[in-house]
Amino acid sequence: MKIGIMVSEGPYNHQASDSAYLFARTAIEKGHSVPRVFFYHDGVNNSTKLTQPPQDDRNVVNRWSKLAEEHGVDLVVCIAAGMRRGITDDILAPGFRISGLGQLVEAGIQCDRLVTFGD
């Protein structure tokens, strides 16, 4: 099954990003495909390499980058939501790219399911 994911909450203020990451990783481990994760609203804050959590805390951004590298997951940051929050190409973590809502629509069309995390 092909599963698209949308994340609309930031990495450390809500459990949505953690839940989305764990869901994606588990789906892949179970043999499903996760071709794209779309970061929308405050979810775009998952994409910045400027995040520096304490050493004893999880690094949400690095986990997403590693998932993209290891499994070819397309991590798309909404351009409009990103611009409103100061997210630009030069501060994106590895594996993330900026694009428009058309990428979310495309994921909804091409995937068997589109699962959303956050409000």
PDB file of N, CA and C in Angstrom:
ATOM      1  N   MET A   1       0.840  -1.176   0.000  1.00  0.00           N
ATOM      2  CA  MET A   1       0.000   0.000   0.000  1.00  0.00           C
ATOM      3  C   MET A   1       0.887   1.242   0.000  1.00  0.00           C
ATOM      4  N   LYS A   2       0.506   2.232  -0.788  1.00  0.00           N
ATOM      5  CA  LYS A   2       1.206   3.511  -0.813  1.00  0.00           C
ATOM      6  C   LYS A   2       0.495   4.469   0.137  1.00  0.00           C
ATOM      7  N   ILE A   3       1.271   5.034   1.066  1.00  0.00           N
ATOM      8  CA  ILE A   3       0.704   5.909   2.092  1.00  0.00           C
ATOM      9  C   ILE A   3       1.378   7.271   2.027  1.00  0.00           C
ATOM     10  N   GLY A   4       0.586   8.311   1.831  1.00  0.00           N
ATOM     11  CA  GLY A   4       1.070   9.683   1.909  1.00  0.00           C
ATOM     12  C   GLY A   4       0.789  10.215   3.310  1.00  0.00           C
ATOM     13  N   ILE A   5       1.626  11.114   3.773  1.00  0.00           N
ATOM     14  CA  ILE A   5       1.482  11.649   5.133  1.00  0.00           C
ATOM     15  C   ILE A   5       1.548  13.168   5.085  1.00  0.00           C
ATOM     16  N   MET A   6       0.701  13.815   5.890  1.00  0.00           N
ATOM     17  CA  MET A   6       0.766  15.261   6.077  1.00  0.00           C
ATOM     18  C   MET A   6       0.979  15.545   7.563  1.00  0.00           C
ATOM     19  N   VAL A   7       1.952  16.407   7.860  1.00  0.00           N
ATOM     20  CA  VAL A   7       2.264  16.796   9.236  1.00  0.00           C
ATOM     21  C   VAL A   7       2.015  18.301   9.353  1.00  0.00           C
ATOM     22  N   SER A   8       1.161  18.702  10.294  1.00  0.00           N
ATOM     23  CA  SER A   8       0.834  20.128  10.413  1.00  0.00           C
ATOM     24  C   SER A   8       1.141  20.712  11.791  1.00  0.00           C
ATOM     25  N   GLU A   9       1.984  20.049  12.554  1.00  0.00           N
ATOM     26  CA  GLU A   9       2.408  20.565  13.865  1.00  0.00           C
ATOM     27  C   GLU A   9       3.927  20.550  13.946  1.00  0.00           C
ATOM     28  N   GLY A  10       4.469  21.442  14.752  1.00  0.00           N
ATOM     29  CA  GLY A  10       5.916  21.550  14.921  1.00  0.00           C
ATOM     30  C   GLY A  10       6.506  20.357  15.644  1.00  0.00           C
ATOM     31  N   PRO A  11       7.829  20.271  15.659  1.00  0.00           N
ATOM     32  CA  PRO A  11       8.499  19.078  16.177  1.00  0.00           C
ATOM     33  C   PRO A  11       8.499  18.916  17.692  1.00  0.00           C
ATOM     34  N   TYR A  12       8.398  19.984  18.455  1.00  0.00           N
ATOM     35  CA  TYR A  12       8.549  19.840  19.902  1.00  0.00           C
ATOM     36  C   TYR A  12       7.378  20.398  20.705  1.00  0.00           C
ATOM     37  N   ASN A  13       6.352  20.915  20.045  1.00  0.00           N
ATOM     38  CA  ASN A  13       5.230  21.470  20.788  1.00  0.00           C
ATOM     39  C   ASN A  13       3.980  20.602  20.730  1.00  0.00           C
ATOM     40  N   HIS A  14       4.063  19.475  20.061  1.00  0.00           N
ATOM     41  CA  HIS A  14       2.900  18.608  19.874  1.00  0.00           C
ATOM     42  C   HIS A  14       3.419  17.221  19.496  1.00  0.00           C
ATOM     43  N   GLN A  15       2.679  16.185  19.788  1.00  0.00           N
ATOM     44  CA  GLN A  15       3.132  14.828  19.491  1.00  0.00           C
ATOM     45  C   GLN A  15       2.943  14.429  18.031  1.00  0.00           C
ATOM     46  N   ALA A  16       2.324  15.279  17.229  1.00  0.00           N
ATOM     47  CA  ALA A  16       1.991  14.915  15.852  1.00  0.00           C
ATOM     48  C   ALA A  16       3.210  14.508  15.032  1.00  0.00           C
ATOM     49  N   SER A  17       4.303  15.240  15.141  1.00  0.00           N
ATOM     50  CA  SER A  17       5.490  14.914  14.346  1.00  0.00           C
ATOM     51  C   SER A  17       6.085  13.573  14.763  1.00  0.00           C
ATOM     52  N   ASP A  18       6.189  13.349  16.077  1.00  0.00           N
ATOM     53  CA  ASP A  18       6.691  12.061  16.554  1.00  0.00           C
ATOM     54  C   ASP A  18       5.800  10.921  16.083  1.00  0.00           C
ATOM     55  N   SER A  19       4.492  11.107  16.196  1.00  0.00           N
ATOM     56  CA  SER A  19       3.555  10.062  15.778  1.00  0.00           C
ATOM     57  C   SER A  19       3.654   9.804  14.274  1.00  0.00           C
ATOM     58  N   ALA A  20       3.771  10.870  13.490  1.00  0.00           N
ATOM     59  CA  ALA A  20       3.882  10.715  12.037  1.00  0.00           C
ATOM     60  C   ALA A  20       5.159   9.971  11.667  1.00  0.00           C
ATOM     61  N   TYR A  21       6.267  10.331  12.303  1.00  0.00           N
ATOM     62  CA  TYR A  21       7.541   9.660  12.023  1.00  0.00           C
ATOM     63  C   TYR A  21       7.460   8.169  12.380  1.00  0.00           C
ATOM     64  N   LEU A  22       6.952   7.869  13.565  1.00  0.00           N
ATOM     65  CA  LEU A  22       6.853   6.471  13.991  1.00  0.00           C
ATOM     66  C   LEU A  22       5.907   5.684  13.088  1.00  0.00           C
ATOM     67  N   PHE A  23       4.822   6.326  12.667  1.00  0.00           N
ATOM     68  CA  PHE A  23       3.882   5.691  11.741  1.00  0.00           C
ATOM     69  C   PHE A  23       4.568   5.390  10.413  1.00  0.00           C
ATOM     70  N   ALA A  24       5.287   6.374   9.867  1.00  0.00           N
ATOM     71  CA  ALA A  24       5.972   6.191   8.582  1.00  0.00           C
ATOM     72  C   ALA A  24       7.014   5.082   8.665  1.00  0.00           C
ATOM     73  N   ARG A  25       7.816   5.119   9.709  1.00  0.00           N
ATOM     74  CA  ARG A  25       8.862   4.109   9.872  1.00  0.00           C
ATOM     75  C   ARG A  25       8.263   2.713   9.998  1.00  0.00           C
ATOM     76  N   THR A  26       7.215   2.584  10.784  1.00  0.00           N
ATOM     77  CA  THR A  26       6.566   1.287  10.978  1.00  0.00           C
ATOM     78  C   THR A  26       5.912   0.799   9.684  1.00  0.00           C
ATOM     79  N   ALA A  27       5.270   1.709   8.957  1.00  0.00           N
ATOM     80  CA  ALA A  27       4.644   1.325   7.683  1.00  0.00           C
ATOM     81  C   ALA A  27       5.691   0.778   6.724  1.00  0.00           C
ATOM     82  N   ILE A  28       6.839   1.446   6.649  1.00  0.00           N
ATOM     83  CA  ILE A  28       7.913   0.990   5.768  1.00  0.00           C
ATOM     84  C   ILE A  28       8.436  -0.372   6.224  1.00  0.00           C
ATOM     85  N   GLU A  29       8.619  -0.535   7.534  1.00  0.00           N
ATOM     86  CA  GLU A  29       9.089  -1.821   8.070  1.00  0.00           C
ATOM     87  C   GLU A  29       8.118  -2.950   7.763  1.00  0.00           C
ATOM     88  N   LYS A  30       6.823  -2.633   7.674  1.00  0.00           N
ATOM     89  CA  LYS A  30       5.801  -3.642   7.386  1.00  0.00           C
ATOM     90  C   LYS A  30       5.618  -3.871   5.880  1.00  0.00           C
ATOM     91  N   GLY A  31       6.448  -3.213   5.051  1.00  0.00           N
ATOM     92  CA  GLY A  31       6.408  -3.451   3.621  1.00  0.00           C
ATOM     93  C   GLY A  31       5.593  -2.464   2.811  1.00  0.00           C
ATOM     94  N   HIS A  32       5.052  -1.443   3.445  1.00  0.00           N
ATOM     95  CA  HIS A  32       4.297  -0.422   2.716  1.00  0.00           C
ATOM     96  C   HIS A  32       5.248   0.629   2.166  1.00  0.00           C
ATOM     97  N   SER A  33       4.761   1.425   1.258  1.00  0.00           N
ATOM     98  CA  SER A  33       5.541   2.499   0.666  1.00  0.00           C
ATOM     99  C   SER A  33       5.044   3.839   1.206  1.00  0.00           C
ATOM    100  N   VAL A  34       5.979   4.723   1.570  1.00  0.00           N
ATOM    101  CA  VAL A  34       5.652   6.091   1.985  1.00  0.00           C
ATOM    102  C   VAL A  34       6.410   7.017   1.031  1.00  0.00           C
ATOM    103  N   PRO A  35       5.805   7.314  -0.121  1.00  0.00           N
ATOM    104  CA  PRO A  35       6.525   8.101  -1.112  1.00  0.00           C
ATOM    105  C   PRO A  35       6.721   9.571  -0.740  1.00  0.00           C
ATOM    106  N   ARG A  36       5.794  10.135   0.064  1.00  0.00           N
ATOM    107  CA  ARG A  36       5.905  11.564   0.363  1.00  0.00           C
ATOM    108  C   ARG A  36       5.334  11.885   1.742  1.00  0.00           C
ATOM    109  N   VAL A  37       6.038  12.798   2.420  1.00  0.00           N
ATOM    110  CA  VAL A  37       5.522  13.425   3.638  1.00  0.00           C
ATOM    111  C   VAL A  37       5.460  14.918   3.347  1.00  0.00           C
ATOM    112  N   PHE A  38       4.291  15.507   3.528  1.00  0.00           N
ATOM    113  CA  PHE A  38       4.078  16.932   3.257  1.00  0.00           C
ATOM    114  C   PHE A  38       3.960  17.669   4.584  1.00  0.00           C
ATOM    115  N   PHE A  39       4.788  18.679   4.767  1.00  0.00           N
ATOM    116  CA  PHE A  39       4.801  19.461   6.005  1.00  0.00           C
ATOM    117  C   PHE A  39       4.073  20.774   5.752  1.00  0.00           C
ATOM    118  N   TYR A  40       3.030  21.012   6.552  1.00  0.00           N
ATOM    119  CA  TYR A  40       2.114  22.129   6.326  1.00  0.00           C
ATOM    120  C   TYR A  40       1.916  22.879   7.634  1.00  0.00           C
ATOM    121  N   HIS A  41       1.451  24.107   7.562  1.00  0.00           N
ATOM    122  CA  HIS A  41       1.257  24.966   8.740  1.00  0.00           C
ATOM    123  C   HIS A  41       2.512  24.936   9.610  1.00  0.00           C
ATOM    124  N   ASP A  42       2.371  24.769  10.931  1.00  0.00           N
ATOM    125  CA  ASP A  42       3.546  24.741  11.812  1.00  0.00           C
ATOM    126  C   ASP A  42       4.414  23.507  11.592  1.00  0.00           C
ATOM    127  N   GLY A  43       3.917  22.543  10.852  1.00  0.00           N
ATOM    128  CA  GLY A  43       4.703  21.357  10.535  1.00  0.00           C
ATOM    129  C   GLY A  43       5.966  21.673   9.750  1.00  0.00           C
ATOM    130  N   VAL A  44       6.000  22.829   9.079  1.00  0.00           N
ATOM    131  CA  VAL A  44       7.196  23.198   8.322  1.00  0.00           C
ATOM    132  C   VAL A  44       8.405  23.366   9.244  1.00  0.00           C
ATOM    133  N   ASN A  45       8.174  23.585  10.526  1.00  0.00           N
ATOM    134  CA  ASN A  45       9.280  23.738  11.474  1.00  0.00           C
ATOM    135  C   ASN A  45      10.034  22.429  11.701  1.00  0.00           C
ATOM    136  N   ASN A  46       9.531  21.328  11.191  1.00  0.00           N
ATOM    137  CA  ASN A  46      10.243  20.055  11.243  1.00  0.00           C
ATOM    138  C   ASN A  46      11.417  20.015  10.270  1.00  0.00           C
ATOM    139  N   SER A  47      11.509  20.981   9.395  1.00  0.00           N
ATOM    140  CA  SER A  47      12.465  20.922   8.287  1.00  0.00           C
ATOM    141  C   SER A  47      13.735  21.738   8.476  1.00  0.00           C
ATOM    142  N   THR A  48      13.836  22.519   9.511  1.00  0.00           N
ATOM    143  CA  THR A  48      14.961  23.437   9.623  1.00  0.00           C
ATOM    144  C   THR A  48      16.178  22.820  10.309  1.00  0.00           C
ATOM    145  N   LYS A  49      17.327  23.011   9.696  1.00  0.00           N
ATOM    146  CA  LYS A  49      18.567  22.512  10.290  1.00  0.00           C
ATOM    147  C   LYS A  49      19.030  23.392  11.445  1.00  0.00           C
ATOM    148  N   LEU A  50      18.304  24.464  11.731  1.00  0.00           N
ATOM    149  CA  LEU A  50      18.655  25.349  12.842  1.00  0.00           C
ATOM    150  C   LEU A  50      18.216  24.785  14.192  1.00  0.00           C
ATOM    151  N   THR A  51      17.411  23.737  14.166  1.00  0.00           N
ATOM    152  CA  THR A  51      16.961  23.095  15.399  1.00  0.00           C
ATOM    153  C   THR A  51      18.128  22.406  16.083  1.00  0.00           C
ATOM    154  N   GLN A  52      18.319  22.689  17.374  1.00  0.00           N
ATOM    155  CA  GLN A  52      19.397  22.057  18.130  1.00  0.00           C
ATOM    156  C   GLN A  52      18.883  21.616  19.498  1.00  0.00           C
ATOM    157  N   PRO A  53      18.239  20.444  19.549  1.00  0.00           N
ATOM    158  CA  PRO A  53      17.737  19.957  20.838  1.00  0.00           C
ATOM    159  C   PRO A  53      18.890  19.543  21.753  1.00  0.00           C
ATOM    160  N   PRO A  54      18.644  19.478  23.062  1.00  0.00           N
ATOM    161  CA  PRO A  54      19.674  18.998  23.982  1.00  0.00           C
ATOM    162  C   PRO A  54      20.121  17.587  23.593  1.00  0.00           C
ATOM    163  N   GLN A  55      21.340  17.225  23.977  1.00  0.00           N
ATOM    164  CA  GLN A  55      21.904  15.924  23.599  1.00  0.00           C
ATOM    165  C   GLN A  55      21.085  14.746  24.094  1.00  0.00           C
ATOM    166  N   ASP A  56      20.399  14.897  25.228  1.00  0.00           N
ATOM    167  CA  ASP A  56      19.630  13.781  25.768  1.00  0.00           C
ATOM    168  C   ASP A  56      18.193  13.738  25.236  1.00  0.00           C
ATOM    169  N   ASP A  57      17.871  14.596  24.276  1.00  0.00           N
ATOM    170  CA  ASP A  57      16.530  14.634  23.693  1.00  0.00           C
ATOM    171  C   ASP A  57      16.598  14.098  22.264  1.00  0.00           C
ATOM    172  N   ARG A  58      15.482  13.671  21.730  1.00  0.00           N
ATOM    173  CA  ARG A  58      15.426  13.178  20.361  1.00  0.00           C
ATOM    174  C   ARG A  58      15.602  14.350  19.388  1.00  0.00           C
ATOM    175  N   ASN A  59      16.217  14.083  18.251  1.00  0.00           N
ATOM    176  CA  ASN A  59      16.377  15.092  17.219  1.00  0.00           C
ATOM    177  C   ASN A  59      15.392  14.767  16.108  1.00  0.00           C
ATOM    178  N   VAL A  60      14.236  15.401  16.174  1.00  0.00           N
ATOM    179  CA  VAL A  60      13.142  15.101  15.253  1.00  0.00           C
ATOM    180  C   VAL A  60      13.549  15.370  13.807  1.00  0.00           C
ATOM    181  N   VAL A  61      14.216  16.485  13.567  1.00  0.00           N
ATOM    182  CA  VAL A  61      14.609  16.845  12.203  1.00  0.00           C
ATOM    183  C   VAL A  61      15.558  15.804  11.617  1.00  0.00           C
ATOM    184  N   ASN A  62      16.542  15.384  12.386  1.00  0.00           N
ATOM    185  CA  ASN A  62      17.493  14.377  11.908  1.00  0.00           C
ATOM    186  C   ASN A  62      16.810  13.047  11.615  1.00  0.00           C
ATOM    187  N   ARG A  63      15.804  12.701  12.427  1.00  0.00           N
ATOM    188  CA  ARG A  63      15.087  11.443  12.169  1.00  0.00           C
ATOM    189  C   ARG A  63      14.404  11.481  10.808  1.00  0.00           C
ATOM    190  N   TRP A  64      13.754  12.616  10.488  1.00  0.00           N
ATOM    191  CA  TRP A  64      13.099  12.744   9.182  1.00  0.00           C
ATOM    192  C   TRP A  64      14.138  12.670   8.063  1.00  0.00           C
ATOM    193  N   SER A  65      15.258  13.377   8.222  1.00  0.00           N
ATOM    194  CA  SER A  65      16.306  13.362   7.201  1.00  0.00           C
ATOM    195  C   SER A  65      16.824  11.946   6.961  1.00  0.00           C
ATOM    196  N   LYS A  66      17.027  11.206   8.025  1.00  0.00           N
ATOM    197  CA  LYS A  66      17.525   9.833   7.912  1.00  0.00           C
ATOM    198  C   LYS A  66      16.501   8.935   7.205  1.00  0.00           C
ATOM    199  N   LEU A  67      15.213   9.128   7.509  1.00  0.00           N
ATOM    200  CA  LEU A  67      14.158   8.354   6.849  1.00  0.00           C
ATOM    201  C   LEU A  67      14.174   8.616   5.339  1.00  0.00           C
ATOM    202  N   ALA A  68      14.343   9.874   4.972  1.00  0.00           N
ATOM    203  CA  ALA A  68      14.395  10.223   3.549  1.00  0.00           C
ATOM    204  C   ALA A  68      15.602   9.590   2.872  1.00  0.00           C
ATOM    205  N   GLU A  69      16.735   9.653   3.535  1.00  0.00           N
ATOM    206  CA  GLU A  69      17.972   9.104   2.969  1.00  0.00           C
ATOM    207  C   GLU A  69      17.899   7.590   2.807  1.00  0.00           C
ATOM    208  N   GLU A  70      17.413   6.903   3.825  1.00  0.00           N
ATOM    209  CA  GLU A  70      17.405   5.441   3.818  1.00  0.00           C
ATOM    210  C   GLU A  70      16.299   4.829   2.966  1.00  0.00           C
ATOM    211  N   HIS A  71      15.165   5.545   2.829  1.00  0.00           N
ATOM    212  CA  HIS A  71      14.008   4.940   2.171  1.00  0.00           C
ATOM    213  C   HIS A  71      13.468   5.757   0.998  1.00  0.00           C
ATOM    214  N   GLY A  72      14.154   6.826   0.632  1.00  0.00           N
ATOM    215  CA  GLY A  72      13.725   7.614  -0.522  1.00  0.00           C
ATOM    216  C   GLY A  72      12.426   8.357  -0.336  1.00  0.00           C
ATOM    217  N   VAL A  73      12.087   8.684   0.895  1.00  0.00           N
ATOM    218  CA  VAL A  73      10.852   9.424   1.172  1.00  0.00           C
ATOM    219  C   VAL A  73      11.047  10.884   0.754  1.00  0.00           C
ATOM    220  N   ASP A  74      10.112  11.409  -0.003  1.00  0.00           N
ATOM    221  CA  ASP A  74      10.141  12.795  -0.458  1.00  0.00           C
ATOM    222  C   ASP A  74       9.565  13.680   0.653  1.00  0.00           C
ATOM    223  N   LEU A  75      10.402  14.513   1.275  1.00  0.00           N
ATOM    224  CA  LEU A  75       9.973  15.394   2.362  1.00  0.00           C
ATOM    225  C   LEU A  75       9.724  16.778   1.784  1.00  0.00           C
ATOM    226  N   VAL A  76       8.448  17.152   1.670  1.00  0.00           N
ATOM    227  CA  VAL A  76       8.070  18.398   1.006  1.00  0.00           C
ATOM    228  C   VAL A  76       7.548  19.401   2.034  1.00  0.00           C
ATOM    229  N   VAL A  77       8.113  20.603   1.979  1.00  0.00           N
ATOM    230  CA  VAL A  77       7.726  21.704   2.863  1.00  0.00           C
ATOM    231  C   VAL A  77       6.861  22.678   2.060  1.00  0.00           C
ATOM    232  N   CYS A  78       5.677  22.996   2.571  1.00  0.00           N
ATOM    233  CA  CYS A  78       4.789  23.939   1.892  1.00  0.00           C
ATOM    234  C   CYS A  78       5.461  25.306   1.797  1.00  0.00           C
ATOM    235  N   ILE A  79       5.544  25.843   0.587  1.00  0.00           N
ATOM    236  CA  ILE A  79       6.236  27.102   0.377  1.00  0.00           C
ATOM    237  C   ILE A  79       5.550  28.262   1.090  1.00  0.00           C
ATOM    238  N   ALA A  80       4.230  28.337   1.031  1.00  0.00           N
ATOM    239  CA  ALA A  80       3.518  29.453   1.660  1.00  0.00           C
ATOM    240  C   ALA A  80       3.659  29.410   3.178  1.00  0.00           C
ATOM    241  N   ALA A  81       3.452  28.237   3.759  1.00  0.00           N
ATOM    242  CA  ALA A  81       3.586  28.100   5.215  1.00  0.00           C
ATOM    243  C   ALA A  81       5.029  28.327   5.638  1.00  0.00           C
ATOM    244  N   GLY A  82       5.973  27.857   4.829  1.00  0.00           N
ATOM    245  CA  GLY A  82       7.383  28.043   5.133  1.00  0.00           C
ATOM    246  C   GLY A  82       7.786  29.509   5.103  1.00  0.00           C
ATOM    247  N   MET A  83       7.361  30.220   4.077  1.00  0.00           N
ATOM    248  CA  MET A  83       7.710  31.634   3.962  1.00  0.00           C
ATOM    249  C   MET A  83       7.159  32.436   5.141  1.00  0.00           C
ATOM    250  N   ARG A  84       5.949  32.109   5.581  1.00  0.00           N
ATOM    251  CA  ARG A  84       5.366  32.805   6.731  1.00  0.00           C
ATOM    252  C   ARG A  84       6.180  32.598   8.003  1.00  0.00           C
ATOM    253  N   ARG A  85       6.938  31.506   8.045  1.00  0.00           N
ATOM    254  CA  ARG A  85       7.709  31.167   9.253  1.00  0.00           C
ATOM    255  C   ARG A  85       9.220  31.316   9.050  1.00  0.00           C
ATOM    256  N   GLY A  86       9.612  31.927   7.959  1.00  0.00           N
ATOM    257  CA  GLY A  86      11.027  32.185   7.707  1.00  0.00           C
ATOM    258  C   GLY A  86      11.819  30.979   7.240  1.00  0.00           C
ATOM    259  N   ILE A  87      11.133  29.954   6.758  1.00  0.00           N
ATOM    260  CA  ILE A  87      11.803  28.756   6.264  1.00  0.00           C
ATOM    261  C   ILE A  87      12.154  28.970   4.790  1.00  0.00           C
ATOM    262  N   THR A  88      13.437  28.929   4.486  1.00  0.00           N
ATOM    263  CA  THR A  88      13.919  29.097   3.118  1.00  0.00           C
ATOM    264  C   THR A  88      14.842  27.930   2.772  1.00  0.00           C
ATOM    265  N   ASP A  89      15.148  27.798   1.489  1.00  0.00           N
ATOM    266  CA  ASP A  89      15.988  26.689   1.018  1.00  0.00           C
ATOM    267  C   ASP A  89      17.306  26.573   1.772  1.00  0.00           C
ATOM    268  N   ASP A  90      17.899  27.714   2.138  1.00  0.00           N
ATOM    269  CA  ASP A  90      19.226  27.676   2.743  1.00  0.00           C
ATOM    270  C   ASP A  90      19.248  27.149   4.173  1.00  0.00           C
ATOM    271  N   ILE A  91      18.093  27.041   4.826  1.00  0.00           N
ATOM    272  CA  ILE A  91      18.086  26.495   6.192  1.00  0.00           C
ATOM    273  C   ILE A  91      17.405  25.130   6.282  1.00  0.00           C
ATOM    274  N   LEU A  92      17.081  24.548   5.137  1.00  0.00           N
ATOM    275  CA  LEU A  92      16.458  23.225   5.147  1.00  0.00           C
ATOM    276  C   LEU A  92      17.469  22.151   5.504  1.00  0.00           C
ATOM    277  N   ALA A  93      17.034  21.213   6.318  1.00  0.00           N
ATOM    278  CA  ALA A  93      17.854  20.052   6.663  1.00  0.00           C
ATOM    279  C   ALA A  93      17.936  19.137   5.438  1.00  0.00           C
ATOM    280  N   PRO A  94      18.922  18.256   5.386  1.00  0.00           N
ATOM    281  CA  PRO A  94      19.047  17.323   4.255  1.00  0.00           C
ATOM    282  C   PRO A  94      17.774  16.490   4.065  1.00  0.00           C
ATOM    283  N   GLY A  95      17.410  16.306   2.811  1.00  0.00           N
ATOM    284  CA  GLY A  95      16.248  15.491   2.474  1.00  0.00           C
ATOM    285  C   GLY A  95      14.964  16.280   2.291  1.00  0.00           C
ATOM    286  N   PHE A  96      14.932  17.521   2.773  1.00  0.00           N
ATOM    287  CA  PHE A  96      13.733  18.357   2.647  1.00  0.00           C
ATOM    288  C   PHE A  96      13.832  19.226   1.399  1.00  0.00           C
ATOM    289  N   ARG A  97      12.671  19.542   0.830  1.00  0.00           N
ATOM    290  CA  ARG A  97      12.617  20.490  -0.283  1.00  0.00           C
ATOM    291  C   ARG A  97      11.340  21.315  -0.165  1.00  0.00           C
ATOM    292  N   ILE A  98      11.361  22.491  -0.737  1.00  0.00           N
ATOM    293  CA  ILE A  98      10.206  23.386  -0.703  1.00  0.00           C
ATOM    294  C   ILE A  98       9.418  23.240  -1.996  1.00  0.00           C
ATOM    295  N   SER A  99       8.102  23.179  -1.868  1.00  0.00           N
ATOM    296  CA  SER A  99       7.229  23.117  -3.039  1.00  0.00           C
ATOM    297  C   SER A  99       5.836  23.580  -2.617  1.00  0.00           C
ATOM    298  N   GLY A 100       4.888  23.487  -3.537  1.00  0.00           N
ATOM    299  CA  GLY A 100       3.543  23.981  -3.282  1.00  0.00           C
ATOM    300  C   GLY A 100       2.546  22.909  -2.892  1.00  0.00           C
ATOM    301  N   LEU A 101       1.323  23.362  -2.662  1.00  0.00           N
ATOM    302  CA  LEU A 101       0.240  22.460  -2.263  1.00  0.00           C
ATOM    303  C   LEU A 101      -0.078  21.404  -3.315  1.00  0.00           C
ATOM    304  N   GLY A 102       0.330  21.639  -4.541  1.00  0.00           N
ATOM    305  CA  GLY A 102       0.116  20.641  -5.586  1.00  0.00           C
ATOM    306  C   GLY A 102       0.754  19.305  -5.232  1.00  0.00           C
ATOM    307  N   GLN A 103       1.853  19.348  -4.472  1.00  0.00           N
ATOM    308  CA  GLN A 103       2.516  18.114  -4.048  1.00  0.00           C
ATOM    309  C   GLN A 103       1.650  17.324  -3.066  1.00  0.00           C
ATOM    310  N   LEU A 104       0.892  18.038  -2.240  1.00  0.00           N
ATOM    311  CA  LEU A 104      -0.032  17.367  -1.322  1.00  0.00           C
ATOM    312  C   LEU A 104      -1.187  16.743  -2.101  1.00  0.00           C
ATOM    313  N   VAL A 105      -1.727  17.496  -3.045  1.00  0.00           N
ATOM    314  CA  VAL A 105      -2.811  16.979  -3.884  1.00  0.00           C
ATOM    315  C   VAL A 105      -2.342  15.750  -4.655  1.00  0.00           C
ATOM    316  N   GLU A 106      -1.145  15.832  -5.221  1.00  0.00           N
ATOM    317  CA  GLU A 106      -0.593  14.702  -5.965  1.00  0.00           C
ATOM    318  C   GLU A 106      -0.448  13.468  -5.084  1.00  0.00           C
ATOM    319  N   ALA A 107       0.021  13.667  -3.856  1.00  0.00           N
ATOM    320  CA  ALA A 107       0.146  12.535  -2.928  1.00  0.00           C
ATOM    321  C   ALA A 107      -1.228  11.926  -2.648  1.00  0.00           C
ATOM    322  N   GLY A 108      -2.230  12.767  -2.487  1.00  0.00           N
ATOM    323  CA  GLY A 108      -3.582  12.278  -2.245  1.00  0.00           C
ATOM    324  C   GLY A 108      -4.131  11.474  -3.403  1.00  0.00           C
ATOM    325  N   ILE A 109      -3.748  11.847  -4.605  1.00  0.00           N
ATOM    326  CA  ILE A 109      -4.221  11.148  -5.803  1.00  0.00           C
ATOM    327  C   ILE A 109      -3.445   9.849  -6.019  1.00  0.00           C
ATOM    328  N   GLN A 110      -2.130   9.898  -5.868  1.00  0.00           N
ATOM    329  CA  GLN A 110      -1.282   8.760  -6.201  1.00  0.00           C
ATOM    330  C   GLN A 110      -1.194   7.701  -5.109  1.00  0.00           C
ATOM    331  N   CYS A 111      -1.487   8.076  -3.868  1.00  0.00           N
ATOM    332  CA  CYS A 111      -1.382   7.120  -2.764  1.00  0.00           C
ATOM    333  C   CYS A 111      -2.733   6.470  -2.489  1.00  0.00           C
ATOM    334  N   ASP A 112      -2.667   5.298  -1.880  1.00  0.00           N
ATOM    335  CA  ASP A 112      -3.897   4.609  -1.487  1.00  0.00           C
ATOM    336  C   ASP A 112      -4.550   5.283  -0.293  1.00  0.00           C
ATOM    337  N   ARG A 113      -3.732   5.863   0.568  1.00  0.00           N
ATOM    338  CA  ARG A 113      -4.215   6.561   1.764  1.00  0.00           C
ATOM    339  C   ARG A 113      -3.390   7.822   1.968  1.00  0.00           C
ATOM    340  N   LEU A 114      -4.043   8.858   2.523  1.00  0.00           N
ATOM    341  CA  LEU A 114      -3.350  10.070   2.952  1.00  0.00           C
ATOM    342  C   LEU A 114      -3.688  10.253   4.419  1.00  0.00           C
ATOM    343  N   VAL A 115      -2.687  10.121   5.273  1.00  0.00           N
ATOM    344  CA  VAL A 115      -2.888  10.171   6.711  1.00  0.00           C
ATOM    345  C   VAL A 115      -2.353  11.507   7.221  1.00  0.00           C
ATOM    346  N   THR A 116      -3.147  12.198   8.033  1.00  0.00           N
ATOM    347  CA  THR A 116      -2.741  13.498   8.548  1.00  0.00           C
ATOM    348  C   THR A 116      -2.449  13.412  10.048  1.00  0.00           C
ATOM    349  N   PHE A 117      -1.457  14.179  10.466  1.00  0.00           N
ATOM    350  CA  PHE A 117      -1.061  14.268  11.874  1.00  0.00           C
ATOM    351  C   PHE A 117      -1.033  15.727  12.263  1.00  0.00           C
ATOM    352  N   GLY A 118      -1.807  16.091  13.277  1.00  0.00           N
ATOM    353  CA  GLY A 118      -1.910  17.469  13.732  1.00  0.00           C
ATOM    354  C   GLY A 118      -3.277  18.047  13.394  1.00  0.00           C
ATOM    355  N   ASP A 119      -3.474  19.272  13.830  1.00  0.00           N
ATOM    356  CA  ASP A 119      -4.778  19.935  13.613  1.00  0.00           C
ATOM    357  C   ASP A 119      -5.005  20.325  12.190  1.00  0.00           C
TER     358      ASP A 119
END
